[in-house]
């Protein structure tokens, strides 16, 4: 997947995270969302429940309890944000 230049990652409650690639109607942005969605479908992380794509964003729901056991040195949000940034860059 090609690097994404502009995005925001923010928590969606305590058991989801959203990746927002901008409030735009743009086919390239939509292709990036779709590519990330397919990547997560093929290689889900432990504790991932589901990923829900929208036109320019992707929300990822997870089991916070199972991830909390795995991620001890950071918050679950910080760990997931770092993992998403690895995929995006």
PDB file of N, CA and C in Angstrom:
ATOM      1  N   UNK A   1       0.846  -1.180   0.000  1.00  0.00           N
ATOM      2  CA  UNK A   1       0.000   0.000   0.000  1.00  0.00           C
ATOM      3  C   UNK A   1       0.889   1.240   0.000  1.00  0.00           C
ATOM      4  N   UNK A   2       0.535   2.235  -0.815  1.00  0.00           N
ATOM      5  CA  UNK A   2       1.312   3.464  -0.878  1.00  0.00           C
ATOM      6  C   UNK A   2       1.122   4.276   0.399  1.00  0.00           C
ATOM      7  N   UNK A   3       2.165   5.026   0.819  1.00  0.00           N
ATOM      8  CA  UNK A   3       2.044   5.845   2.023  1.00  0.00           C
ATOM      9  C   UNK A   3       0.907   6.863   1.903  1.00  0.00           C
ATOM     10  N   UNK A   4       0.271   7.129   3.024  1.00  0.00           N
ATOM     11  CA  UNK A   4      -0.815   8.105   3.083  1.00  0.00           C
ATOM     12  C   UNK A   4      -0.237   9.388   3.648  1.00  0.00           C
ATOM     13  N   UNK A   5      -0.473  10.516   2.970  1.00  0.00           N
ATOM     14  CA  UNK A   5       0.160  11.759   3.385  1.00  0.00           C
ATOM     15  C   UNK A   5      -0.595  12.483   4.492  1.00  0.00           C
ATOM     16  N   UNK A   6      -1.900  12.473   4.469  1.00  0.00           N
ATOM     17  CA  UNK A   6      -2.664  13.241   5.447  1.00  0.00           C
ATOM     18  C   UNK A   6      -3.781  12.381   6.028  1.00  0.00           C
ATOM     19  N   UNK A   7      -3.786  12.267   7.345  1.00  0.00           N
ATOM     20  CA  UNK A   7      -4.823  11.482   8.001  1.00  0.00           C
ATOM     21  C   UNK A   7      -4.909  11.868   9.471  1.00  0.00           C
ATOM     22  N   UNK A   8      -6.009  11.475  10.099  1.00  0.00           N
ATOM     23  CA  UNK A   8      -6.188  11.620  11.537  1.00  0.00           C
ATOM     24  C   UNK A   8      -6.615  10.268  12.087  1.00  0.00           C
ATOM     25  N   UNK A   9      -6.115   9.933  13.248  1.00  0.00           N
ATOM     26  CA  UNK A   9      -6.529   8.723  13.942  1.00  0.00           C
ATOM     27  C   UNK A   9      -7.046   9.154  15.298  1.00  0.00           C
ATOM     28  N   UNK A  10      -8.258   8.720  15.619  1.00  0.00           N
ATOM     29  CA  UNK A  10      -8.829   9.110  16.910  1.00  0.00           C
ATOM     30  C   UNK A  10      -9.666   7.976  17.490  1.00  0.00           C
ATOM     31  N   UNK A  11      -9.780   7.959  18.835  1.00  0.00           N
ATOM     32  CA  UNK A  11     -10.576   6.906  19.467  1.00  0.00           C
ATOM     33  C   UNK A  11     -12.062   7.114  19.206  1.00  0.00           C
ATOM     34  N   UNK A  12     -12.774   6.014  19.149  1.00  0.00           N
ATOM     35  CA  UNK A  12     -14.225   6.031  18.995  1.00  0.00           C
ATOM     36  C   UNK A  12     -14.763   5.250  20.195  1.00  0.00           C
ATOM     37  N   UNK A  13     -14.888   5.938  21.317  1.00  0.00           N
ATOM     38  CA  UNK A  13     -15.230   5.260  22.561  1.00  0.00           C
ATOM     39  C   UNK A  13     -14.018   4.506  23.077  1.00  0.00           C
ATOM     40  N   UNK A  14     -14.252   3.457  23.868  1.00  0.00           N
ATOM     41  CA  UNK A  14     -13.131   2.720  24.440  1.00  0.00           C
ATOM     42  C   UNK A  14     -12.817   1.422  23.704  1.00  0.00           C
ATOM     43  N   UNK A  15     -13.600   1.099  22.677  1.00  0.00           N
ATOM     44  CA  UNK A  15     -13.363  -0.173  21.988  1.00  0.00           C
ATOM     45  C   UNK A  15     -13.359  -0.046  20.468  1.00  0.00           C
ATOM     46  N   UNK A  16     -13.027   1.142  19.982  1.00  0.00           N
ATOM     47  CA  UNK A  16     -12.916   1.344  18.532  1.00  0.00           C
ATOM     48  C   UNK A  16     -11.973   2.511  18.262  1.00  0.00           C
ATOM     49  N   UNK A  17     -11.458   2.521  17.057  1.00  0.00           N
ATOM     50  CA  UNK A  17     -10.569   3.592  16.614  1.00  0.00           C
ATOM     51  C   UNK A  17     -10.960   3.931  15.177  1.00  0.00           C
ATOM     52  N   UNK A  18     -10.865   5.200  14.823  1.00  0.00           N
ATOM     53  CA  UNK A  18     -11.217   5.628  13.470  1.00  0.00           C
ATOM     54  C   UNK A  18     -10.017   6.264  12.794  1.00  0.00           C
ATOM     55  N   UNK A  19      -9.813   5.877  11.556  1.00  0.00           N
ATOM     56  CA  UNK A  19      -8.810   6.481  10.694  1.00  0.00           C
ATOM     57  C   UNK A  19      -9.570   7.330   9.690  1.00  0.00           C
ATOM     58  N   UNK A  20      -9.311   8.628   9.690  1.00  0.00           N
ATOM     59  CA  UNK A  20     -10.003   9.561   8.799  1.00  0.00           C
ATOM     60  C   UNK A  20      -8.995  10.128   7.805  1.00  0.00           C
ATOM     61  N   UNK A  21      -9.243   9.897   6.527  1.00  0.00           N
ATOM     62  CA  UNK A  21      -8.342  10.385   5.479  1.00  0.00           C
ATOM     63  C   UNK A  21      -8.802  11.705   4.886  1.00  0.00           C
ATOM     64  N   UNK A  22      -9.747  12.363   5.529  1.00  0.00           N
ATOM     65  CA  UNK A  22     -10.197  13.673   5.073  1.00  0.00           C
ATOM     66  C   UNK A  22     -11.645  13.655   4.662  1.00  0.00           C
ATOM     67  N   UNK A  23     -12.284  14.762   4.827  1.00  0.00           N
ATOM     68  CA  UNK A  23     -13.695  14.896   4.484  1.00  0.00           C
ATOM     69  C   UNK A  23     -13.805  15.334   3.023  1.00  0.00           C
ATOM     70  N   UNK A  24     -13.393  14.426   2.133  1.00  0.00           N
ATOM     71  CA  UNK A  24     -13.367  14.738   0.706  1.00  0.00           C
ATOM     72  C   UNK A  24     -13.972  13.585  -0.091  1.00  0.00           C
ATOM     73  N   UNK A  25     -14.477  13.917  -1.247  1.00  0.00           N
ATOM     74  CA  UNK A  25     -14.915  12.908  -2.205  1.00  0.00           C
ATOM     75  C   UNK A  25     -13.790  12.799  -3.228  1.00  0.00           C
ATOM     76  N   UNK A  26     -13.015  11.725  -3.115  1.00  0.00           N
ATOM     77  CA  UNK A  26     -11.825  11.567  -3.924  1.00  0.00           C
ATOM     78  C   UNK A  26     -11.585  10.068  -4.109  1.00  0.00           C
ATOM     79  N   UNK A  27     -11.490   9.631  -5.344  1.00  0.00           N
ATOM     80  CA  UNK A  27     -11.330   8.200  -5.611  1.00  0.00           C
ATOM     81  C   UNK A  27     -10.043   7.635  -5.030  1.00  0.00           C
ATOM     82  N   UNK A  28      -8.966   8.413  -5.039  1.00  0.00           N
ATOM     83  CA  UNK A  28      -7.693   7.931  -4.500  1.00  0.00           C
ATOM     84  C   UNK A  28      -7.809   7.678  -2.997  1.00  0.00           C
ATOM     85  N   UNK A  29      -8.476   8.567  -2.297  1.00  0.00           N
ATOM     86  CA  UNK A  29      -8.694   8.395  -0.857  1.00  0.00           C
ATOM     87  C   UNK A  29      -9.528   7.148  -0.609  1.00  0.00           C
ATOM     88  N   UNK A  30     -10.589   6.973  -1.381  1.00  0.00           N
ATOM     89  CA  UNK A  30     -11.452   5.805  -1.222  1.00  0.00           C
ATOM     90  C   UNK A  30     -10.689   4.510  -1.501  1.00  0.00           C
ATOM     91  N   UNK A  31      -9.815   4.524  -2.488  1.00  0.00           N
ATOM     92  CA  UNK A  31      -9.004   3.334  -2.779  1.00  0.00           C
ATOM     93  C   UNK A  31      -8.086   2.990  -1.603  1.00  0.00           C
ATOM     94  N   UNK A  32      -7.543   4.023  -0.942  1.00  0.00           N
ATOM     95  CA  UNK A  32      -6.676   3.781   0.212  1.00  0.00           C
ATOM     96  C   UNK A  32      -7.464   3.181   1.374  1.00  0.00           C
ATOM     97  N   UNK A  33      -8.668   3.701   1.606  1.00  0.00           N
ATOM     98  CA  UNK A  33      -9.529   3.140   2.657  1.00  0.00           C
ATOM     99  C   UNK A  33      -9.834   1.681   2.342  1.00  0.00           C
ATOM    100  N   UNK A  34     -10.193   1.408   1.099  1.00  0.00           N
ATOM    101  CA  UNK A  34     -10.526   0.046   0.684  1.00  0.00           C
ATOM    102  C   UNK A  34      -9.316  -0.880   0.807  1.00  0.00           C
ATOM    103  N   UNK A  35      -8.144  -0.395   0.436  1.00  0.00           N
ATOM    104  CA  UNK A  35      -6.927  -1.210   0.541  1.00  0.00           C
ATOM    105  C   UNK A  35      -6.615  -1.543   1.999  1.00  0.00           C
ATOM    106  N   UNK A  36      -6.758  -0.573   2.884  1.00  0.00           N
ATOM    107  CA  UNK A  36      -6.507  -0.824   4.299  1.00  0.00           C
ATOM    108  C   UNK A  36      -7.542  -1.797   4.863  1.00  0.00           C
ATOM    109  N   UNK A  37      -8.794  -1.637   4.462  1.00  0.00           N
ATOM    110  CA  UNK A  37      -9.853  -2.552   4.891  1.00  0.00           C
ATOM    111  C   UNK A  37      -9.512  -3.987   4.482  1.00  0.00           C
ATOM    112  N   UNK A  38      -9.123  -4.180   3.227  1.00  0.00           N
ATOM    113  CA  UNK A  38      -8.780  -5.526   2.744  1.00  0.00           C
ATOM    114  C   UNK A  38      -7.535  -6.073   3.445  1.00  0.00           C
ATOM    115  N   UNK A  39      -6.579  -5.200   3.719  1.00  0.00           N
ATOM    116  CA  UNK A  39      -5.382  -5.613   4.452  1.00  0.00           C
ATOM    117  C   UNK A  39      -5.768  -6.155   5.832  1.00  0.00           C
ATOM    118  N   UNK A  40      -6.642  -5.437   6.535  1.00  0.00           N
ATOM    119  CA  UNK A  40      -7.059  -5.875   7.869  1.00  0.00           C
ATOM    120  C   UNK A  40      -7.939  -7.121   7.823  1.00  0.00           C
ATOM    121  N   UNK A  41      -8.663  -7.312   6.737  1.00  0.00           N
ATOM    122  CA  UNK A  41      -9.458  -8.534   6.600  1.00  0.00           C
ATOM    123  C   UNK A  41      -8.546  -9.749   6.418  1.00  0.00           C
ATOM    124  N   UNK A  42      -7.452  -9.550   5.681  1.00  0.00           N
ATOM    125  CA  UNK A  42      -6.519 -10.653   5.440  1.00  0.00           C
ATOM    126  C   UNK A  42      -5.594 -10.896   6.628  1.00  0.00           C
ATOM    127  N   UNK A  43      -5.224  -9.810   7.318  1.00  0.00           N
ATOM    128  CA  UNK A  43      -4.281  -9.900   8.435  1.00  0.00           C
ATOM    129  C   UNK A  43      -4.826  -9.145   9.647  1.00  0.00           C
ATOM    130  N   UNK A  44      -5.895  -9.640  10.251  1.00  0.00           N
ATOM    131  CA  UNK A  44      -6.424  -8.941  11.429  1.00  0.00           C
ATOM    132  C   UNK A  44      -5.462  -9.073  12.609  1.00  0.00           C
ATOM    133  N   UNK A  45      -5.437  -8.066  13.452  1.00  0.00           N
ATOM    134  CA  UNK A  45      -4.617  -8.157  14.654  1.00  0.00           C
ATOM    135  C   UNK A  45      -5.408  -8.902  15.737  1.00  0.00           C
ATOM    136  N   UNK A  46      -4.693  -9.479  16.691  1.00  0.00           N
ATOM    137  CA  UNK A  46      -5.352 -10.179  17.792  1.00  0.00           C
ATOM    138  C   UNK A  46      -6.289  -9.217  18.510  1.00  0.00           C
ATOM    139  N   UNK A  47      -7.520  -9.618  18.699  1.00  0.00           N
ATOM    140  CA  UNK A  47      -8.494  -8.781  19.387  1.00  0.00           C
ATOM    141  C   UNK A  47      -9.370  -7.956  18.468  1.00  0.00           C
ATOM    142  N   UNK A  48      -9.061  -7.946  17.170  1.00  0.00           N
ATOM    143  CA  UNK A  48      -9.896  -7.187  16.237  1.00  0.00           C
ATOM    144  C   UNK A  48     -11.247  -7.877  16.083  1.00  0.00           C
ATOM    145  N   UNK A  49     -12.315  -7.098  16.182  1.00  0.00           N
ATOM    146  CA  UNK A  49     -13.665  -7.633  16.008  1.00  0.00           C
ATOM    147  C   UNK A  49     -14.119  -7.427  14.572  1.00  0.00           C
ATOM    148  N   UNK A  50     -14.055  -6.190  14.108  1.00  0.00           N
ATOM    149  CA  UNK A  50     -14.417  -5.911  12.715  1.00  0.00           C
ATOM    150  C   UNK A  50     -13.905  -4.539  12.307  1.00  0.00           C
ATOM    151  N   UNK A  51     -13.784  -4.356  11.010  1.00  0.00           N
ATOM    152  CA  UNK A  51     -13.427  -3.070  10.416  1.00  0.00           C
ATOM    153  C   UNK A  51     -14.594  -2.647   9.538  1.00  0.00           C
ATOM    154  N   UNK A  52     -14.964  -1.376   9.655  1.00  0.00           N
ATOM    155  CA  UNK A  52     -16.103  -0.863   8.893  1.00  0.00           C
ATOM    156  C   UNK A  52     -15.634   0.325   8.054  1.00  0.00           C
ATOM    157  N   UNK A  53     -15.573   0.140   6.734  1.00  0.00           N
ATOM    158  CA  UNK A  53     -15.137   1.235   5.875  1.00  0.00           C
ATOM    159  C   UNK A  53     -16.278   2.192   5.549  1.00  0.00           C
ATOM    160  N   UNK A  54     -15.932   3.454   5.427  1.00  0.00           N
ATOM    161  CA  UNK A  54     -16.815   4.472   4.866  1.00  0.00           C
ATOM    162  C   UNK A  54     -16.057   5.031   3.656  1.00  0.00           C
ATOM    163  N   UNK A  55     -16.568   6.056   3.027  1.00  0.00           N
ATOM    164  CA  UNK A  55     -15.924   6.547   1.803  1.00  0.00           C
ATOM    165  C   UNK A  55     -14.492   7.019   2.065  1.00  0.00           C
ATOM    166  N   UNK A  56     -14.298   7.807   3.124  1.00  0.00           N
ATOM    167  CA  UNK A  56     -12.962   8.348   3.381  1.00  0.00           C
ATOM    168  C   UNK A  56     -12.458   8.052   4.794  1.00  0.00           C
ATOM    169  N   UNK A  57     -13.047   7.067   5.447  1.00  0.00           N
ATOM    170  CA  UNK A  57     -12.593   6.698   6.787  1.00  0.00           C
ATOM    171  C   UNK A  57     -12.799   5.205   7.020  1.00  0.00           C
ATOM    172  N   UNK A  58     -12.155   4.729   8.066  1.00  0.00           N
ATOM    173  CA  UNK A  58     -12.272   3.323   8.442  1.00  0.00           C
ATOM    174  C   UNK A  58     -12.333   3.257   9.960  1.00  0.00           C
ATOM    175  N   UNK A  59     -13.365   2.619  10.486  1.00  0.00           N
ATOM    176  CA  UNK A  59     -13.473   2.404  11.929  1.00  0.00           C
ATOM    177  C   UNK A  59     -13.169   0.943  12.220  1.00  0.00           C
ATOM    178  N   UNK A  60     -12.393   0.735  13.260  1.00  0.00           N
ATOM    179  CA  UNK A  60     -11.959  -0.608  13.621  1.00  0.00           C
ATOM    180  C   UNK A  60     -12.388  -0.880  15.058  1.00  0.00           C
ATOM    181  N   UNK A  61     -13.188  -1.917  15.224  1.00  0.00           N
ATOM    182  CA  UNK A  61     -13.677  -2.305  16.546  1.00  0.00           C
ATOM    183  C   UNK A  61     -12.825  -3.452  17.065  1.00  0.00           C
ATOM    184  N   UNK A  62     -12.578  -3.435  18.374  1.00  0.00           N
ATOM    185  CA  UNK A  62     -11.694  -4.428  18.967  1.00  0.00           C
ATOM    186  C   UNK A  62     -12.160  -4.793  20.366  1.00  0.00           C
ATOM    187  N   UNK A  63     -11.654  -5.937  20.838  1.00  0.00           N
ATOM    188  CA  UNK A  63     -11.914  -6.406  22.195  1.00  0.00           C
ATOM    189  C   UNK A  63     -10.862  -5.776  23.104  1.00  0.00           C
ATOM    190  N   UNK A  64     -11.266  -4.754  23.836  1.00  0.00           N
ATOM    191  CA  UNK A  64     -10.324  -3.986  24.644  1.00  0.00           C
ATOM    192  C   UNK A  64      -9.687  -4.842  25.742  1.00  0.00           C
ATOM    193  N   UNK A  65     -10.411  -5.795  26.279  1.00  0.00           N
ATOM    194  CA  UNK A  65      -9.868  -6.630  27.360  1.00  0.00           C
ATOM    195  C   UNK A  65      -8.736  -7.519  26.848  1.00  0.00           C
ATOM    196  N   UNK A  66      -8.932  -8.158  25.698  1.00  0.00           N
ATOM    197  CA  UNK A  66      -7.861  -9.018  25.171  1.00  0.00           C
ATOM    198  C   UNK A  66      -6.646  -8.198  24.746  1.00  0.00           C
ATOM    199  N   UNK A  67      -6.868  -7.004  24.208  1.00  0.00           N
ATOM    200  CA  UNK A  67      -5.730  -6.163  23.820  1.00  0.00           C
ATOM    201  C   UNK A  67      -5.015  -5.607  25.041  1.00  0.00           C
ATOM    202  N   UNK A  68      -5.756  -5.287  26.088  1.00  0.00           N
ATOM    203  CA  UNK A  68      -5.141  -4.752  27.306  1.00  0.00           C
ATOM    204  C   UNK A  68      -4.173  -5.774  27.902  1.00  0.00           C
ATOM    205  N   UNK A  69      -4.511  -7.058  27.799  1.00  0.00           N
ATOM    206  CA  UNK A  69      -3.612  -8.108  28.295  1.00  0.00           C
ATOM    207  C   UNK A  69      -2.333  -8.175  27.464  1.00  0.00           C
ATOM    208  N   UNK A  70      -2.463  -7.922  26.170  1.00  0.00           N
ATOM    209  CA  UNK A  70      -1.317  -7.993  25.256  1.00  0.00           C
ATOM    210  C   UNK A  70      -0.449  -6.741  25.343  1.00  0.00           C
ATOM    211  N   UNK A  71      -1.082  -5.588  25.459  1.00  0.00           N
ATOM    212  CA  UNK A  71      -0.394  -4.296  25.425  1.00  0.00           C
ATOM    213  C   UNK A  71      -0.250  -3.795  26.856  1.00  0.00           C
ATOM    214  N   UNK A  72       0.945  -3.914  27.395  1.00  0.00           N
ATOM    215  CA  UNK A  72       1.130  -3.550  28.796  1.00  0.00           C
ATOM    216  C   UNK A  72       1.835  -2.209  28.977  1.00  0.00           C
ATOM    217  N   UNK A  73       2.707  -1.856  28.057  1.00  0.00           N
ATOM    218  CA  UNK A  73       3.511  -0.648  28.227  1.00  0.00           C
ATOM    219  C   UNK A  73       2.841   0.618  27.701  1.00  0.00           C
ATOM    220  N   UNK A  74       1.746   0.489  26.960  1.00  0.00           N
ATOM    221  CA  UNK A  74       1.046   1.633  26.367  1.00  0.00           C
ATOM    222  C   UNK A  74      -0.446   1.458  26.577  1.00  0.00           C
ATOM    223  N   UNK A  75      -1.193   2.512  26.252  1.00  0.00           N
ATOM    224  CA  UNK A  75      -2.641   2.341  26.216  1.00  0.00           C
ATOM    225  C   UNK A  75      -2.988   1.583  24.938  1.00  0.00           C
ATOM    226  N   UNK A  76      -4.149   0.966  24.923  1.00  0.00           N
ATOM    227  CA  UNK A  76      -4.593   0.243  23.731  1.00  0.00           C
ATOM    228  C   UNK A  76      -4.673   1.207  22.552  1.00  0.00           C
ATOM    229  N   UNK A  77      -5.195   2.413  22.782  1.00  0.00           N
ATOM    230  CA  UNK A  77      -5.290   3.416  21.717  1.00  0.00           C
ATOM    231  C   UNK A  77      -3.908   3.729  21.144  1.00  0.00           C
ATOM    232  N   UNK A  78      -2.923   3.985  22.012  1.00  0.00           N
ATOM    233  CA  UNK A  78      -1.574   4.312  21.530  1.00  0.00           C
ATOM    234  C   UNK A  78      -0.983   3.163  20.714  1.00  0.00           C
ATOM    235  N   UNK A  79      -1.189   1.930  21.185  1.00  0.00           N
ATOM    236  CA  UNK A  79      -0.666   0.770  20.474  1.00  0.00           C
ATOM    237  C   UNK A  79      -1.316   0.633  19.098  1.00  0.00           C
ATOM    238  N   UNK A  80      -2.652   0.736  19.057  1.00  0.00           N
ATOM    239  CA  UNK A  80      -3.356   0.611  17.774  1.00  0.00           C
ATOM    240  C   UNK A  80      -2.973   1.730  16.815  1.00  0.00           C
ATOM    241  N   UNK A  81      -2.855   2.937  17.327  1.00  0.00           N
ATOM    242  CA  UNK A  81      -2.455   4.066  16.481  1.00  0.00           C
ATOM    243  C   UNK A  81      -1.082   3.796  15.868  1.00  0.00           C
ATOM    244  N   UNK A  82      -0.166   3.309  16.674  1.00  0.00           N
ATOM    245  CA  UNK A  82       1.173   2.997  16.177  1.00  0.00           C
ATOM    246  C   UNK A  82       1.126   1.891  15.119  1.00  0.00           C
ATOM    247  N   UNK A  83       0.328   0.863  15.348  1.00  0.00           N
ATOM    248  CA  UNK A  83       0.211  -0.227  14.381  1.00  0.00           C
ATOM    249  C   UNK A  83      -0.392   0.261  13.062  1.00  0.00           C
ATOM    250  N   UNK A  84      -1.416   1.110  13.136  1.00  0.00           N
ATOM    251  CA  UNK A  84      -2.008   1.662  11.909  1.00  0.00           C
ATOM    252  C   UNK A  84      -1.008   2.532  11.163  1.00  0.00           C
ATOM    253  N   UNK A  85      -0.236   3.332  11.895  1.00  0.00           N
ATOM    254  CA  UNK A  85       0.750   4.197  11.246  1.00  0.00           C
ATOM    255  C   UNK A  85       1.830   3.383  10.545  1.00  0.00           C
ATOM    256  N   UNK A  86       2.174   2.219  11.081  1.00  0.00           N
ATOM    257  CA  UNK A  86       3.136   1.340  10.397  1.00  0.00           C
ATOM    258  C   UNK A  86       2.581   0.905   9.040  1.00  0.00           C
ATOM    259  N   UNK A  87       1.301   0.581   9.011  1.00  0.00           N
ATOM    260  CA  UNK A  87       0.672   0.149   7.759  1.00  0.00           C
ATOM    261  C   UNK A  87       0.572   1.318   6.783  1.00  0.00           C
ATOM    262  N   UNK A  88       0.231   2.499   7.290  1.00  0.00           N
ATOM    263  CA  UNK A  88       0.012   3.666   6.431  1.00  0.00           C
ATOM    264  C   UNK A  88       1.303   4.228   5.856  1.00  0.00           C
ATOM    265  N   UNK A  89       2.391   4.078   6.561  1.00  0.00           N
ATOM    266  CA  UNK A  89       3.663   4.661   6.118  1.00  0.00           C
ATOM    267  C   UNK A  89       4.506   3.586   5.564  1.00  0.00           C
TER     268      UNK A  89
END
